[in-house]
């Protein structure tokens, strides 16, 4: 096999493994979130909001259009999980969890930790190494 063929086969193998791990992680996330009664997007937003954050940053972290965040904030408020607050610059609205939202964040975190079959197979050191490798891959 030529060097380009070897590199292609390796890339194909690694990409396939990454996709399989990502799918399993998504499935684990969906099961954990279902137990908490939220949509996947609302759950992701609750997990992101450890600290109050400008709505545009929430959009960036969710990889969604900033125009969607208003709708998302409305949904979070309707569930009693978050509220809008003025930032230091009054033109920037922050999204922050309510006490109920903080409680939901703890429930979600516990459910995710319990149901994370992908990372459960790794030691603490391996999880640290994996995190560093994934960060490097995303640079």
Protein backbone atom coordinates (compact mmCIF):
# COMPACT_ATOMS: atom_id res chain seq x y z
CA UNK A 1 0.00 0.00 0.00
CA UNK A 2 1.35 3.44 -0.88
CA UNK A 3 1.85 6.14 1.77
CA UNK A 4 -1.20 8.17 0.60
CA UNK A 5 -3.33 5.01 0.73
CA UNK A 6 -2.11 4.26 4.27
CA UNK A 7 -2.86 7.84 5.36
CA UNK A 8 -6.32 7.69 3.77
CA UNK A 9 -7.13 4.37 5.48
CA UNK A 10 -5.95 5.74 8.83
CA UNK A 11 -7.99 8.94 8.43
CA UNK A 12 -11.05 6.91 7.43
CA UNK A 13 -10.64 4.59 10.44
CA UNK A 14 -10.15 7.44 12.95
CA UNK A 15 -13.02 9.46 11.53
CA UNK A 16 -15.29 6.45 11.74
CA UNK A 17 -14.37 5.92 15.39
CA UNK A 18 -14.94 9.60 16.19
CA UNK A 19 -18.38 9.47 14.57
CA UNK A 20 -19.30 6.31 16.50
CA UNK A 21 -18.18 7.82 19.81
CA UNK A 22 -20.05 11.06 19.05
CA UNK A 23 -23.24 9.14 18.24
CA UNK A 24 -23.01 7.15 21.47
CA UNK A 25 -22.40 10.35 23.45
CA UNK A 26 -25.43 11.96 21.76
CA UNK A 27 -27.56 8.94 22.62
CA UNK A 28 -26.37 9.03 26.25
CA UNK A 29 -27.17 12.75 26.39
CA UNK A 30 -30.66 12.21 24.96
CA UNK A 31 -31.46 9.53 27.55
CA UNK A 32 -30.20 11.67 30.45
CA UNK A 33 -32.12 14.73 29.23
CA UNK A 34 -35.33 12.77 28.70
CA UNK A 35 -35.28 11.83 32.38
CA UNK A 36 -35.29 15.56 33.20
CA UNK A 37 -38.14 16.41 30.82
CA UNK A 38 -36.35 18.99 28.66
CA UNK A 39 -35.62 19.24 24.97
CA UNK A 40 -32.00 18.67 24.00
CA UNK A 41 -31.47 22.34 23.17
CA UNK A 42 -32.96 23.58 26.44
CA UNK A 43 -30.83 21.11 28.38
CA UNK A 44 -27.68 22.22 26.57
CA UNK A 45 -28.52 25.85 27.35
CA UNK A 46 -29.06 25.07 31.03
CA UNK A 47 -25.71 23.28 31.17
CA UNK A 48 -23.93 26.17 29.43
CA UNK A 49 -25.33 28.73 31.85
CA UNK A 50 -23.14 28.01 34.85
CA UNK A 51 -22.64 31.77 35.04
CA UNK A 52 -24.77 34.55 33.56
CA UNK A 53 -23.78 34.98 29.92
CA UNK A 54 -24.54 37.39 27.11
CA UNK A 55 -27.13 35.87 24.82
CA UNK A 56 -24.78 36.07 21.80
CA UNK A 57 -22.24 33.92 23.70
CA UNK A 58 -24.91 31.33 24.42
CA UNK A 59 -25.67 31.27 20.68
CA UNK A 60 -21.97 30.75 19.93
CA UNK A 61 -21.69 27.88 22.39
CA UNK A 62 -24.85 26.24 21.05
CA UNK A 63 -23.64 26.83 17.48
CA UNK A 64 -26.96 28.37 16.51
CA UNK A 65 -28.12 31.57 14.90
CA UNK A 66 -28.25 34.47 17.38
CA UNK A 67 -31.84 35.20 16.30
CA UNK A 68 -32.88 31.83 17.76
CA UNK A 69 -31.64 32.74 21.25
CA UNK A 70 -34.58 35.06 21.89
CA UNK A 71 -36.92 32.12 21.32
CA UNK A 72 -34.74 29.89 23.48
CA UNK A 73 -34.67 32.49 26.27
CA UNK A 74 -38.47 32.71 26.07
CA UNK A 75 -38.71 28.93 26.46
CA UNK A 76 -36.29 28.89 29.40
CA UNK A 77 -38.28 31.66 31.09
CA UNK A 78 -41.55 29.82 30.44
CA UNK A 79 -40.10 26.78 32.24
CA UNK A 80 -38.91 29.01 35.09
CA UNK A 81 -35.30 28.01 34.44
CA UNK A 82 -33.71 31.30 33.36
CA UNK A 83 -34.27 35.01 33.20
CA UNK A 84 -32.87 37.91 31.27
CA UNK A 85 -30.80 40.46 33.15
CA UNK A 86 -29.08 43.67 32.18
CA UNK A 87 -25.34 43.42 31.69
CA UNK A 88 -22.79 46.09 32.53
CA UNK A 89 -23.50 47.45 29.06
CA UNK A 90 -27.28 47.87 29.08
CA UNK A 91 -27.41 47.05 25.37
CA UNK A 92 -26.25 43.50 26.17
CA UNK A 93 -28.79 41.18 27.77
CA UNK A 94 -27.49 38.41 29.96
CA UNK A 95 -29.20 35.08 30.37
CA UNK A 96 -28.94 33.63 33.87
CA UNK A 97 -30.37 30.62 35.61
CA UNK A 98 -33.03 31.01 38.26
CA UNK A 99 -32.82 28.94 41.46
CA UNK A 100 -35.00 26.36 39.66
CA UNK A 101 -32.60 26.48 36.72
CA UNK A 102 -29.62 25.88 38.99
CA UNK A 103 -31.42 22.90 40.50
CA UNK A 104 -32.17 21.56 37.01
CA UNK A 105 -28.51 22.04 36.06
CA UNK A 106 -27.49 19.87 39.02
CA UNK A 107 -30.04 17.19 38.03
CA UNK A 108 -28.82 17.22 34.43
CA UNK A 109 -25.19 17.03 35.50
CA UNK A 110 -25.89 14.05 37.76
CA UNK A 111 -27.90 12.28 35.04
CA UNK A 112 -25.15 12.90 32.49
CA UNK A 113 -22.44 11.66 34.82
CA UNK A 114 -24.40 8.51 35.56
CA UNK A 115 -25.27 7.83 31.92
CA UNK A 116 -21.99 8.73 30.23
CA UNK A 117 -21.03 5.34 28.86
CA UNK A 118 -18.31 6.79 26.63
CA UNK A 119 -16.25 8.46 29.33
CA UNK A 120 -17.00 5.84 31.97
CA UNK A 121 -14.73 3.46 30.07
CA UNK A 122 -11.75 5.79 30.66
CA UNK A 123 -9.62 6.55 33.69
CA UNK A 124 -9.41 10.12 34.98
CA UNK A 125 -5.98 10.50 33.34
CA UNK A 126 -7.31 9.17 30.03
CA UNK A 127 -10.25 11.62 30.16
CA UNK A 128 -7.79 14.47 30.73
CA UNK A 129 -5.66 13.30 27.81
CA UNK A 130 -8.73 12.92 25.61
CA UNK A 131 -9.89 16.43 26.45
CA UNK A 132 -6.50 17.83 25.49
CA UNK A 133 -6.43 15.86 22.24
CA UNK A 134 -9.94 16.98 21.29
CA UNK A 135 -9.02 20.61 22.00
CA UNK A 136 -5.96 20.22 19.80
CA UNK A 137 -8.08 18.73 17.01
CA UNK A 138 -10.44 21.70 17.13
CA UNK A 139 -7.69 24.33 16.85
